[in-house]
Amino acid sequence: DRVDGVSFTLDKGEILGIVGESGCGKSVTASSIIRLLPPKIGNIVDGEINFEGRDVRALSGKELLKFRGRDISMIFQNPMTSLDPVFKIGSQMVEMIRTHHSEISREEALKISIEALRKVGIPNPESRINSYPYELSGGMCQRVIIAMAICCEPKMMIADEPTTALDVTIQARILELINDMKREHDLSVIFITHDLGVVANIADRVCVMYAGRIVEVGTCEDIFYHPAHPYTWALLSAMPDLHTEETLYAIPGAPPNMLHPPKGDAFAARNKYAMKIDFEKEPPYFKISDTHYAATWLLHPDAPKVCLLYTSDAADEEDSVD
């Protein structure tokens, strides 16, 4: 993945959803924020990462250890590689808590861990705390990771596909838990997902990513009711609902290889509304409102008008070009 020119802000107590296809740079962006990119595979070439007035890029190794987990926690995509298979769940949770809160005793840390497991819906947490990761299912391990992320009551959480391995009832419980933490502790969240339905339910603002770039950003109402970028239109057209009877729209082609990025707009080759300029020059961001921006030449005053009509659930689409 190659991420270029990604810039956004996150307010205290806000949930920012980041959506896009696999390989668009969502996880790379998240890992960059807490400087977890593998040094031999990826690095941050330029730019700033500011958290409460501190430049994260300038933190020392020792400062990073305190910063990760206590200030910003992260829920990773793959729970089976996020837990150490040779240590019990309880040992890993207690160690993490006491690393960031040395004043807490081991017994108290164990109580906090058990309560966190209970919050994420793990049955009989007093017993499960003594289990090894390999004794749990993928969904159970995912809930353990979420429990670890909330144990230290961080100021900000990065949730990278946190509900992918969970059934819908547990998914709803996790989303409710994140919303409760947001209300009670002013928790800020970056929520990365493929599921537009989840984003609609939990996010305050949404960033749509494609080929390592944010192509549209706005409030949930902006993105779901007034989408402006052709890629966002395509994502919404591919989203089913209870009333869908016709074949869902499938975006043609595949994302570009960002080791050899295409000239112009990266989405042009898959965009049925693409114009000549899309293949020649990358579009800038056009302001639609104070909260809504999109990077598409279709918003240029000289561009032809594309009229799209969405129902309230963004299921139906009619389009025409003037």
C-alpha atoms as a PDB file:
ATOM      1  CA  ASP A   1       0.000   0.000   0.000  1.00  0.00           C
ATOM      2  CA  ARG A   2       1.137   3.541  -0.763  1.00  0.00           C
ATOM      3  CA  VAL A   3      -0.478   6.441   1.086  1.00  0.00           C
ATOM      4  CA  ASP A   4       0.025   9.957  -0.217  1.00  0.00           C
ATOM      5  CA  GLY A   5      -1.409  13.294   0.829  1.00  0.00           C
ATOM      6  CA  VAL A   6      -3.722  11.884   3.502  1.00  0.00           C
ATOM      7  CA  SER A   7      -4.743  14.630   5.906  1.00  0.00           C
ATOM      8  CA  PHE A   8      -7.570  14.739   8.424  1.00  0.00           C
ATOM      9  CA  THR A   9      -8.410  15.915  11.934  1.00  0.00           C
ATOM     10  CA  LEU A  10     -10.138  14.087  14.764  1.00  0.00           C
ATOM     11  CA  ASP A  11     -11.919  16.033  17.474  1.00  0.00           C
ATOM     12  CA  LYS A  12     -12.286  14.943  21.074  1.00  0.00           C
ATOM     13  CA  GLY A  13     -15.278  12.658  21.465  1.00  0.00           C
ATOM     14  CA  GLU A  14     -15.652  12.164  17.707  1.00  0.00           C
ATOM     15  CA  ILE A  15     -15.884   8.936  15.718  1.00  0.00           C
ATOM     16  CA  LEU A  16     -14.314   9.140  12.267  1.00  0.00           C
ATOM     17  CA  GLY A  17     -15.106   6.307   9.869  1.00  0.00           C
ATOM     18  CA  ILE A  18     -12.612   5.372   7.143  1.00  0.00           C
ATOM     19  CA  VAL A  19     -14.000   3.205   4.330  1.00  0.00           C
ATOM     20  CA  GLY A  20     -12.614   1.826   1.087  1.00  0.00           C
ATOM     21  CA  GLU A  21     -11.586  -1.341  -0.731  1.00  0.00           C
ATOM     22  CA  SER A  22      -8.856  -3.656   0.510  1.00  0.00           C
ATOM     23  CA  GLY A  23      -5.439  -2.241  -0.302  1.00  0.00           C
ATOM     24  CA  CYS A  24      -6.552   1.398  -0.426  1.00  0.00           C
ATOM     25  CA  GLY A  25      -4.311   2.364   2.510  1.00  0.00           C
ATOM     26  CA  LYS A  26      -6.668   2.349   5.493  1.00  0.00           C
ATOM     27  CA  SER A  27      -4.534   0.107   7.712  1.00  0.00           C
ATOM     28  CA  VAL A  28      -1.283   1.764   6.630  1.00  0.00           C
ATOM     29  CA  THR A  29      -2.749   5.129   7.638  1.00  0.00           C
ATOM     30  CA  ALA A  30      -3.793   3.719  11.021  1.00  0.00           C
ATOM     31  CA  SER A  31      -0.409   2.090  11.676  1.00  0.00           C
ATOM     32  CA  SER A  32       1.381   5.300  10.740  1.00  0.00           C
ATOM     33  CA  ILE A  33      -0.444   7.254  13.430  1.00  0.00           C
ATOM     34  CA  ILE A  34       1.188   5.213  16.213  1.00  0.00           C
ATOM     35  CA  ARG A  35       4.349   4.520  14.203  1.00  0.00           C
ATOM     36  CA  LEU A  36       3.834   0.792  13.823  1.00  0.00           C
ATOM     37  CA  LEU A  37       4.948   0.479  10.206  1.00  0.00           C
ATOM     38  CA  PRO A  38       7.613  -2.254   9.913  1.00  0.00           C
ATOM     39  CA  PRO A  39      10.896  -0.338   9.386  1.00  0.00           C
ATOM     40  CA  LYS A  40      12.140  -2.536   6.530  1.00  0.00           C
ATOM     41  CA  ILE A  41       8.788  -2.496   4.737  1.00  0.00           C
ATOM     42  CA  GLY A  42       7.400   1.000   5.155  1.00  0.00           C
ATOM     43  CA  ASN A  43       8.320   4.408   6.492  1.00  0.00           C
ATOM     44  CA  ILE A  44       6.868   7.881   6.832  1.00  0.00           C
ATOM     45  CA  VAL A  45       8.626  10.036   4.249  1.00  0.00           C
ATOM     46  CA  ASP A  46       7.102  13.404   5.066  1.00  0.00           C
ATOM     47  CA  GLY A  47       4.310  15.096   7.002  1.00  0.00           C
ATOM     48  CA  GLU A  48       3.228  15.463  10.615  1.00  0.00           C
ATOM     49  CA  ILE A  49       1.228  13.404  13.092  1.00  0.00           C
ATOM     50  CA  ASN A  50       0.049  15.678  15.880  1.00  0.00           C
ATOM     51  CA  PHE A  51      -1.701  14.450  19.024  1.00  0.00           C
ATOM     52  CA  GLU A  52      -2.684  17.032  21.644  1.00  0.00           C
ATOM     53  CA  GLY A  53       0.081  19.352  20.464  1.00  0.00           C
ATOM     54  CA  ARG A  54       2.778  16.652  20.373  1.00  0.00           C
ATOM     55  CA  ASP A  55       4.488  15.498  17.196  1.00  0.00           C
ATOM     56  CA  VAL A  56       4.266  11.690  17.315  1.00  0.00           C
ATOM     57  CA  ARG A  57       7.094  11.409  14.785  1.00  0.00           C
ATOM     58  CA  ALA A  58       9.441  13.095  17.292  1.00  0.00           C
ATOM     59  CA  LEU A  59       8.716  10.716  20.201  1.00  0.00           C
ATOM     60  CA  SER A  60      11.575   8.544  21.441  1.00  0.00           C
ATOM     61  CA  GLY A  61      11.281   4.770  21.792  1.00  0.00           C
ATOM     62  CA  LYS A  62      10.605   5.035  25.528  1.00  0.00           C
ATOM     63  CA  GLU A  63       7.997   7.759  24.983  1.00  0.00           C
ATOM     64  CA  LEU A  64       6.310   5.644  22.317  1.00  0.00           C
ATOM     65  CA  LEU A  65       5.920   2.741  24.761  1.00  0.00           C
ATOM     66  CA  LYS A  66       3.992   5.013  27.136  1.00  0.00           C
ATOM     67  CA  PHE A  67       2.084   6.670  24.296  1.00  0.00           C
ATOM     68  CA  ARG A  68       0.787   3.454  22.717  1.00  0.00           C
ATOM     69  CA  GLY A  69      -1.975   1.900  24.770  1.00  0.00           C
ATOM     70  CA  ARG A  70      -2.405   4.729  27.254  1.00  0.00           C
ATOM     71  CA  ASP A  71      -2.981   7.712  24.936  1.00  0.00           C
ATOM     72  CA  ILE A  72      -3.924   5.798  21.784  1.00  0.00           C
ATOM     73  CA  SER A  73      -4.907   2.145  21.701  1.00  0.00           C
ATOM     74  CA  MET A  74      -5.439   0.018  18.602  1.00  0.00           C
ATOM     75  CA  ILE A  75      -7.657  -2.918  17.746  1.00  0.00           C
ATOM     76  CA  PHE A  76      -5.907  -4.893  15.022  1.00  0.00           C
ATOM     77  CA  GLN A  77      -7.499  -6.722  12.101  1.00  0.00           C
ATOM     78  CA  ASN A  78      -6.134 -10.189  12.825  1.00  0.00           C
ATOM     79  CA  PRO A  79      -6.620 -11.266  16.454  1.00  0.00           C
ATOM     80  CA  MET A  80      -4.718 -14.534  16.013  1.00  0.00           C
ATOM     81  CA  THR A  81      -1.474 -12.672  15.308  1.00  0.00           C
ATOM     82  CA  SER A  82      -2.108  -9.960  17.904  1.00  0.00           C
ATOM     83  CA  LEU A  83      -2.003 -12.279  20.926  1.00  0.00           C
ATOM     84  CA  ASP A  84       1.039 -14.241  22.119  1.00  0.00           C
ATOM     85  CA  PRO A  85       0.080 -17.945  21.877  1.00  0.00           C
ATOM     86  CA  VAL A  86       2.355 -19.059  24.752  1.00  0.00           C
ATOM     87  CA  PHE A  87       0.900 -16.750  27.421  1.00  0.00           C
ATOM     88  CA  LYS A  88      -2.537 -16.877  28.989  1.00  0.00           C
ATOM     89  CA  ILE A  89      -5.031 -14.130  28.188  1.00  0.00           C
ATOM     90  CA  GLY A  90      -4.947 -12.845  31.768  1.00  0.00           C
ATOM     91  CA  SER A  91      -1.153 -12.575  31.860  1.00  0.00           C
ATOM     92  CA  GLN A  92      -1.110 -10.504  28.684  1.00  0.00           C
ATOM     93  CA  MET A  93      -3.881  -8.177  29.856  1.00  0.00           C
ATOM     94  CA  VAL A  94      -2.385  -7.684  33.329  1.00  0.00           C
ATOM     95  CA  GLU A  95       1.060  -6.967  31.884  1.00  0.00           C
ATOM     96  CA  MET A  96      -0.365  -4.352  29.534  1.00  0.00           C
ATOM     97  CA  ILE A  97      -2.327  -2.592  32.285  1.00  0.00           C
ATOM     98  CA  ARG A  98       0.640  -2.512  34.714  1.00  0.00           C
ATOM     99  CA  THR A  99       3.000  -1.291  31.966  1.00  0.00           C
ATOM    100  CA  HIS A 100       0.918   1.876  31.656  1.00  0.00           C
ATOM    101  CA  HIS A 101      -0.318   2.078  35.267  1.00  0.00           C
ATOM    102  CA  SER A 102       2.454   0.825  37.546  1.00  0.00           C
ATOM    103  CA  GLU A 103       0.520   2.034  40.594  1.00  0.00           C
ATOM    104  CA  ILE A 104      -2.136  -0.650  39.998  1.00  0.00           C
ATOM    105  CA  SER A 105      -1.502  -3.959  41.761  1.00  0.00           C
ATOM    106  CA  ARG A 106      -1.552  -7.266  39.899  1.00  0.00           C
ATOM    107  CA  GLU A 107      -4.765  -8.279  41.707  1.00  0.00           C
ATOM    108  CA  GLU A 108      -6.516  -5.041  40.756  1.00  0.00           C
ATOM    109  CA  ALA A 109      -5.293  -5.341  37.154  1.00  0.00           C
ATOM    110  CA  LEU A 110      -6.769  -8.843  37.031  1.00  0.00           C
ATOM    111  CA  LYS A 111     -10.143  -7.504  38.203  1.00  0.00           C
ATOM    112  CA  ILE A 112     -10.037  -4.788  35.539  1.00  0.00           C
ATOM    113  CA  SER A 113      -9.223  -7.423  32.906  1.00  0.00           C
ATOM    114  CA  ILE A 114     -12.114  -9.678  33.934  1.00  0.00           C
ATOM    115  CA  GLU A 115     -14.545  -6.749  33.870  1.00  0.00           C
ATOM    116  CA  ALA A 116     -13.304  -5.737  30.395  1.00  0.00           C
ATOM    117  CA  LEU A 117     -13.880  -9.297  29.126  1.00  0.00           C
ATOM    118  CA  ARG A 118     -17.392  -9.175  30.564  1.00  0.00           C
ATOM    119  CA  LYS A 119     -18.108  -5.876  28.793  1.00  0.00           C
ATOM    120  CA  VAL A 120     -17.229  -7.315  25.379  1.00  0.00           C
ATOM    121  CA  GLY A 121     -19.531 -10.285  25.865  1.00  0.00           C
ATOM    122  CA  ILE A 122     -17.160 -13.117  26.750  1.00  0.00           C
ATOM    123  CA  PRO A 123     -19.091 -15.651  28.864  1.00  0.00           C
ATOM    124  CA  ASN A 124     -17.629 -16.775  32.192  1.00  0.00           C
ATOM    125  CA  PRO A 125     -14.711 -14.293  32.065  1.00  0.00           C
ATOM    126  CA  GLU A 126     -13.331 -15.503  35.425  1.00  0.00           C
ATOM    127  CA  SER A 127     -12.542 -18.806  33.729  1.00  0.00           C
ATOM    128  CA  ARG A 128     -11.631 -17.483  30.278  1.00  0.00           C
ATOM    129  CA  ILE A 129      -8.991 -15.197  31.771  1.00  0.00           C
ATOM    130  CA  ASN A 130      -6.885 -18.345  32.299  1.00  0.00           C
ATOM    131  CA  SER A 131      -7.223 -19.559  28.694  1.00  0.00           C
ATOM    132  CA  TYR A 132      -4.524 -19.507  26.045  1.00  0.00           C
ATOM    133  CA  PRO A 133      -5.348 -17.759  22.742  1.00  0.00           C
ATOM    134  CA  TYR A 134      -5.348 -21.049  20.819  1.00  0.00           C
ATOM    135  CA  GLU A 135      -8.137 -22.297  23.096  1.00  0.00           C
ATOM    136  CA  LEU A 136     -10.451 -19.525  21.880  1.00  0.00           C
ATOM    137  CA  SER A 137     -12.216 -19.035  18.553  1.00  0.00           C
ATOM    138  CA  GLY A 138     -11.273 -16.206  16.206  1.00  0.00           C
ATOM    139  CA  GLY A 139     -14.302 -14.183  17.310  1.00  0.00           C
ATOM    140  CA  MET A 140     -13.447 -14.696  20.999  1.00  0.00           C
ATOM    141  CA  CYS A 141      -9.846 -13.610  20.397  1.00  0.00           C
ATOM    142  CA  GLN A 142     -11.144 -10.510  18.608  1.00  0.00           C
ATOM    143  CA  ARG A 143     -13.186  -9.641  21.694  1.00  0.00           C
ATOM    144  CA  VAL A 144     -10.109 -10.141  23.886  1.00  0.00           C
ATOM    145  CA  ILE A 145      -8.221  -7.629  21.703  1.00  0.00           C
ATOM    146  CA  ILE A 146     -11.079  -5.154  22.063  1.00  0.00           C
ATOM    147  CA  ALA A 147     -11.086  -5.703  25.846  1.00  0.00           C
ATOM    148  CA  MET A 148      -7.330  -5.020  25.960  1.00  0.00           C
ATOM    149  CA  ALA A 149      -7.838  -1.817  23.979  1.00  0.00           C
ATOM    150  CA  ILE A 150     -10.330  -0.415  26.500  1.00  0.00           C
ATOM    151  CA  CYS A 151      -8.548  -1.533  29.704  1.00  0.00           C
ATOM    152  CA  CYS A 152      -6.332   1.548  30.015  1.00  0.00           C
ATOM    153  CA  GLU A 153      -9.150   3.975  29.143  1.00  0.00           C
ATOM    154  CA  PRO A 154      -7.223   5.636  26.278  1.00  0.00           C
ATOM    155  CA  LYS A 155      -8.019   9.088  24.947  1.00  0.00           C
ATOM    156  CA  MET A 156      -8.190   7.781  21.394  1.00  0.00           C
ATOM    157  CA  MET A 157      -8.809   4.377  19.833  1.00  0.00           C
ATOM    158  CA  ILE A 158      -7.988   3.115  16.351  1.00  0.00           C
ATOM    159  CA  ALA A 159     -10.322   0.255  15.459  1.00  0.00           C
ATOM    160  CA  ASP A 160      -9.116  -1.582  12.333  1.00  0.00           C
ATOM    161  CA  GLU A 161     -11.970  -3.825  11.172  1.00  0.00           C
ATOM    162  CA  PRO A 162     -12.883  -4.600  14.815  1.00  0.00           C
ATOM    163  CA  THR A 163     -16.148  -6.427  14.133  1.00  0.00           C
ATOM    164  CA  THR A 164     -15.235  -8.466  11.025  1.00  0.00           C
ATOM    165  CA  ALA A 165     -14.959 -11.825  12.845  1.00  0.00           C
ATOM    166  CA  LEU A 166     -18.022 -11.273  15.036  1.00  0.00           C
ATOM    167  CA  ASP A 167     -21.650 -12.288  14.567  1.00  0.00           C
ATOM    168  CA  VAL A 168     -24.237  -9.515  14.332  1.00  0.00           C
ATOM    169  CA  THR A 169     -25.391  -9.684  17.964  1.00  0.00           C
ATOM    170  CA  ILE A 170     -21.859  -9.364  19.355  1.00  0.00           C
ATOM    171  CA  GLN A 171     -21.094  -6.738  16.697  1.00  0.00           C
ATOM    172  CA  ALA A 172     -24.004  -4.626  17.952  1.00  0.00           C
ATOM    173  CA  ARG A 173     -22.769  -5.020  21.531  1.00  0.00           C
ATOM    174  CA  ILE A 174     -19.242  -3.860  20.604  1.00  0.00           C
ATOM    175  CA  LEU A 175     -20.568  -0.841  18.699  1.00  0.00           C
ATOM    176  CA  GLU A 176     -22.755   0.061  21.676  1.00  0.00           C
ATOM    177  CA  LEU A 177     -19.726  -0.287  23.995  1.00  0.00           C
ATOM    178  CA  ILE A 178     -17.641   2.055  21.819  1.00  0.00           C
ATOM    179  CA  ASN A 179     -20.479   4.588  21.764  1.00  0.00           C
ATOM    180  CA  ASP A 180     -20.823   4.335  25.566  1.00  0.00           C
ATOM    181  CA  MET A 181     -17.084   5.000  26.002  1.00  0.00           C
ATOM    182  CA  LYS A 182     -17.357   7.953  23.649  1.00  0.00           C
ATOM    183  CA  ARG A 183     -20.150   9.478  25.732  1.00  0.00           C
ATOM    184  CA  GLU A 184     -18.688   8.681  29.162  1.00  0.00           C
ATOM    185  CA  HIS A 185     -14.996   9.400  28.538  1.00  0.00           C
ATOM    186  CA  ASP A 186     -15.010  11.688  25.468  1.00  0.00           C
ATOM    187  CA  LEU A 187     -13.206   8.894  23.610  1.00  0.00           C
ATOM    188  CA  SER A 188     -12.097   9.724  20.067  1.00  0.00           C
ATOM    189  CA  VAL A 189     -12.238   6.844  17.581  1.00  0.00           C
ATOM    190  CA  ILE A 190     -10.921   6.126  14.097  1.00  0.00           C
ATOM    191  CA  PHE A 191     -13.143   3.310  12.861  1.00  0.00           C
ATOM    192  CA  ILE A 192     -11.855   1.446   9.802  1.00  0.00           C
ATOM    193  CA  THR A 193     -14.264  -0.885   8.032  1.00  0.00           C
ATOM    194  CA  HIS A 194     -15.625  -2.192   4.735  1.00  0.00           C
ATOM    195  CA  ASP A 195     -19.153  -2.170   6.142  1.00  0.00           C
ATOM    196  CA  LEU A 196     -20.979   1.006   5.156  1.00  0.00           C
ATOM    197  CA  GLY A 197     -23.911   0.005   7.360  1.00  0.00           C
ATOM    198  CA  VAL A 198     -21.686  -0.007  10.446  1.00  0.00           C
ATOM    199  CA  VAL A 199     -20.247   3.384   9.497  1.00  0.00           C
ATOM    200  CA  ALA A 200     -23.731   4.842   9.081  1.00  0.00           C
ATOM    201  CA  ASN A 201     -24.630   3.686  12.608  1.00  0.00           C
ATOM    202  CA  ILE A 202     -21.523   4.753  14.497  1.00  0.00           C
ATOM    203  CA  ALA A 203     -19.564   7.504  12.702  1.00  0.00           C
ATOM    204  CA  ASP A 204     -19.879  11.272  13.022  1.00  0.00           C
ATOM    205  CA  ARG A 205     -17.763  11.913   9.923  1.00  0.00           C
ATOM    206  CA  VAL A 206     -16.595   9.650   7.102  1.00  0.00           C
ATOM    207  CA  CYS A 207     -13.445   9.551   4.962  1.00  0.00           C
ATOM    208  CA  VAL A 208     -13.673   7.570   1.718  1.00  0.00           C
ATOM    209  CA  MET A 209     -10.255   6.265   0.642  1.00  0.00           C
ATOM    210  CA  TYR A 210      -9.128   5.026  -2.744  1.00  0.00           C
ATOM    211  CA  ALA A 211      -5.615   4.166  -3.948  1.00  0.00           C
ATOM    212  CA  GLY A 212      -3.857   5.721  -0.947  1.00  0.00           C
ATOM    213  CA  ARG A 213      -5.787   8.977  -0.988  1.00  0.00           C
ATOM    214  CA  ILE A 214      -8.873  10.364   0.714  1.00  0.00           C
ATOM    215  CA  VAL A 215     -11.220  11.102  -2.200  1.00  0.00           C
ATOM    216  CA  GLU A 216     -14.181  12.375  -0.192  1.00  0.00           C
ATOM    217  CA  VAL A 217     -14.783  13.484   3.378  1.00  0.00           C
ATOM    218  CA  GLY A 218     -17.918  14.707   5.091  1.00  0.00           C
ATOM    219  CA  THR A 219     -20.495  14.055   7.763  1.00  0.00           C
ATOM    220  CA  CYS A 220     -22.542  10.864   7.583  1.00  0.00           C
ATOM    221  CA  GLU A 221     -25.387  12.875   6.085  1.00  0.00           C
ATOM    222  CA  ASP A 222     -23.033  14.339   3.458  1.00  0.00           C
ATOM    223  CA  ILE A 223     -21.661  10.959   2.402  1.00  0.00           C
ATOM    224  CA  PHE A 224     -24.843   8.885   2.482  1.00  0.00           C
ATOM    225  CA  TYR A 225     -27.369  11.450   1.243  1.00  0.00           C
ATOM    226  CA  HIS A 226     -25.262  13.831  -0.873  1.00  0.00           C
ATOM    227  CA  PRO A 227     -22.265  11.813  -2.186  1.00  0.00           C
ATOM    228  CA  ALA A 228     -20.117  13.712  -4.676  1.00  0.00           C
ATOM    229  CA  HIS A 229     -17.317  11.379  -5.810  1.00  0.00           C
ATOM    230  CA  PRO A 230     -17.964   8.627  -8.414  1.00  0.00           C
ATOM    231  CA  TYR A 231     -16.220   6.080  -6.182  1.00  0.00           C
ATOM    232  CA  THR A 232     -18.591   6.898  -3.315  1.00  0.00           C
ATOM    233  CA  TRP A 233     -21.525   6.549  -5.706  1.00  0.00           C
ATOM    234  CA  ALA A 234     -20.232   3.127  -6.711  1.00  0.00           C
ATOM    235  CA  LEU A 235     -19.797   1.971  -3.097  1.00  0.00           C
ATOM    236  CA  LEU A 236     -23.317   3.047  -2.192  1.00  0.00           C
ATOM    237  CA  SER A 237     -24.750   1.400  -5.315  1.00  0.00           C
ATOM    238  CA  ALA A 238     -23.125  -1.888  -4.285  1.00  0.00           C
ATOM    239  CA  MET A 239     -24.708  -1.809  -0.817  1.00  0.00           C
ATOM    240  CA  PRO A 240     -27.787  -4.081  -0.420  1.00  0.00           C
ATOM    241  CA  ASP A 241     -30.840  -3.456   1.720  1.00  0.00           C
ATOM    242  CA  LEU A 242     -34.073  -5.268   2.539  1.00  0.00           C
ATOM    243  CA  HIS A 243     -35.785  -3.924  -0.595  1.00  0.00           C
ATOM    244  CA  THR A 244     -33.049  -4.792  -3.099  1.00  0.00           C
ATOM    245  CA  GLU A 245     -34.410  -6.998  -5.885  1.00  0.00           C
ATOM    246  CA  GLU A 246     -32.167  -6.219  -8.859  1.00  0.00           C
ATOM    247  CA  THR A 247     -28.548  -7.291  -9.265  1.00  0.00           C
ATOM    248  CA  LEU A 248     -26.234  -5.118  -7.192  1.00  0.00           C
ATOM    249  CA  TYR A 249     -23.789  -2.863  -8.986  1.00  0.00           C
ATOM    250  CA  ALA A 250     -20.221  -4.195  -9.195  1.00  0.00           C
ATOM    251  CA  ILE A 251     -17.346  -1.760  -9.675  1.00  0.00           C
ATOM    252  CA  PRO A 252     -15.532  -2.865 -12.857  1.00  0.00           C
ATOM    253  CA  GLY A 253     -11.810  -3.579 -12.911  1.00  0.00           C
ATOM    254  CA  ALA A 254      -9.443  -3.558  -9.965  1.00  0.00           C
ATOM    255  CA  PRO A 255      -7.602  -0.904  -7.920  1.00  0.00           C
ATOM    256  CA  PRO A 256      -4.323   0.283  -9.494  1.00  0.00           C
ATOM    257  CA  ASN A 257      -0.889  -0.957  -8.459  1.00  0.00           C
ATOM    258  CA  MET A 258       0.401   1.924  -6.334  1.00  0.00           C
ATOM    259  CA  LEU A 259       4.006   0.848  -6.867  1.00  0.00           C
ATOM    260  CA  HIS A 260       3.365   2.271 -10.325  1.00  0.00           C
ATOM    261  CA  PRO A 261       0.605   4.843  -9.732  1.00  0.00           C
ATOM    262  CA  PRO A 262      -1.421   5.892 -12.768  1.00  0.00           C
ATOM    263  CA  LYS A 263      -1.337   9.397 -14.166  1.00  0.00           C
ATOM    264  CA  GLY A 264      -4.256  11.624 -13.232  1.00  0.00           C
ATOM    265  CA  ASP A 265      -7.181  10.399 -11.143  1.00  0.00           C
ATOM    266  CA  ALA A 266      -6.476   6.862  -9.855  1.00  0.00           C
ATOM    267  CA  PHE A 267     -10.174   5.956 -10.201  1.00  0.00           C
ATOM    268  CA  ALA A 268     -10.462   7.134 -13.821  1.00  0.00           C
ATOM    269  CA  ALA A 269     -10.043   3.709 -15.441  1.00  0.00           C
ATOM    270  CA  ARG A 270     -13.014   2.347 -13.432  1.00  0.00           C
ATOM    271  CA  ASN A 271     -15.148   5.479 -13.615  1.00  0.00           C
ATOM    272  CA  LYS A 272     -17.883   5.545 -16.267  1.00  0.00           C
ATOM    273  CA  TYR A 273     -18.101   9.315 -15.859  1.00  0.00           C
ATOM    274  CA  ALA A 274     -14.363   9.875 -16.440  1.00  0.00           C
ATOM    275  CA  MET A 275     -13.362  12.773 -18.677  1.00  0.00           C
ATOM    276  CA  LYS A 276     -10.149  13.362 -20.605  1.00  0.00           C
ATOM    277  CA  ILE A 277      -8.664  15.456 -17.799  1.00  0.00           C
ATOM    278  CA  ASP A 278      -9.126  12.552 -15.342  1.00  0.00           C
ATOM    279  CA  PHE A 279      -6.441  10.610 -17.220  1.00  0.00           C
ATOM    280  CA  GLU A 280      -4.075  13.581 -17.319  1.00  0.00           C
ATOM    281  CA  LYS A 281      -4.219  15.445 -14.015  1.00  0.00           C
ATOM    282  CA  GLU A 282      -4.998  14.489 -10.411  1.00  0.00           C
ATOM    283  CA  PRO A 283      -8.047  16.430  -9.187  1.00  0.00           C
ATOM    284  CA  PRO A 284      -7.747  18.820  -6.237  1.00  0.00           C
ATOM    285  CA  TYR A 285     -10.247  18.927  -3.398  1.00  0.00           C
ATOM    286  CA  PHE A 286     -13.374  20.898  -4.175  1.00  0.00           C
ATOM    287  CA  LYS A 287     -15.355  22.402  -1.322  1.00  0.00           C
ATOM    288  CA  ILE A 288     -19.033  21.457  -1.365  1.00  0.00           C
ATOM    289  CA  SER A 289     -19.841  22.791   2.107  1.00  0.00           C
ATOM    290  CA  ASP A 290     -17.973  23.605   5.316  1.00  0.00           C
ATOM    291  CA  THR A 291     -18.033  19.893   6.217  1.00  0.00           C
ATOM    292  CA  HIS A 292     -17.952  18.274   2.774  1.00  0.00           C
ATOM    293  CA  TYR A 293     -15.015  17.993   0.323  1.00  0.00           C
ATOM    294  CA  ALA A 294     -14.361  15.707  -2.656  1.00  0.00           C
ATOM    295  CA  ALA A 295     -11.501  15.243  -5.108  1.00  0.00           C
ATOM    296  CA  THR A 296     -13.190  14.872  -8.486  1.00  0.00           C
ATOM    297  CA  TRP A 297     -13.094  16.931 -11.670  1.00  0.00           C
ATOM    298  CA  LEU A 298     -16.876  16.551 -11.901  1.00  0.00           C
ATOM    299  CA  LEU A 299     -17.135  19.333  -9.322  1.00  0.00           C
ATOM    300  CA  HIS A 300     -15.238  21.763 -11.551  1.00  0.00           C
ATOM    301  CA  PRO A 301     -17.514  24.590 -12.817  1.00  0.00           C
ATOM    302  CA  ASP A 302     -16.778  23.602 -16.447  1.00  0.00           C
ATOM    303  CA  ALA A 303     -17.512  19.881 -15.973  1.00  0.00           C
ATOM    304  CA  PRO A 304     -20.720  18.303 -17.345  1.00  0.00           C
ATOM    305  CA  LYS A 305     -23.433  17.821 -14.764  1.00  0.00           C
ATOM    306  CA  VAL A 306     -24.084  14.301 -13.500  1.00  0.00           C
ATOM    307  CA  CYS A 307     -27.446  13.926 -11.822  1.00  0.00           C
ATOM    308  CA  LEU A 308     -27.813  11.075  -9.350  1.00  0.00           C
ATOM    309  CA  LEU A 309     -30.913  10.239  -7.390  1.00  0.00           C
ATOM    310  CA  TYR A 310     -30.593   8.108  -4.271  1.00  0.00           C
ATOM    311  CA  THR A 311     -33.383   6.885  -2.051  1.00  0.00           C
ATOM    312  CA  SER A 312     -33.070   7.585   1.667  1.00  0.00           C
ATOM    313  CA  ASP A 313     -31.284   4.262   2.130  1.00  0.00           C
ATOM    314  CA  ALA A 314     -28.939   4.881  -0.785  1.00  0.00           C
ATOM    315  CA  ALA A 315     -30.173   1.741  -2.541  1.00  0.00           C
ATOM    316  CA  ASP A 316     -31.518   2.982  -5.889  1.00  0.00           C
ATOM    317  CA  GLU A 317     -29.687   5.040  -8.453  1.00  0.00           C
ATOM    318  CA  GLU A 318     -30.637   6.899 -11.624  1.00  0.00           C
ATOM    319  CA  ASP A 319     -28.068   8.871 -13.502  1.00  0.00           C
ATOM    320  CA  SER A 320     -27.780  11.112 -16.505  1.00  0.00           C
ATOM    321  CA  VAL A 321     -25.158  13.419 -17.922  1.00  0.00           C
ATOM    322  CA  ASP A 322     -26.112  16.821 -19.262  1.00  0.00           C
END
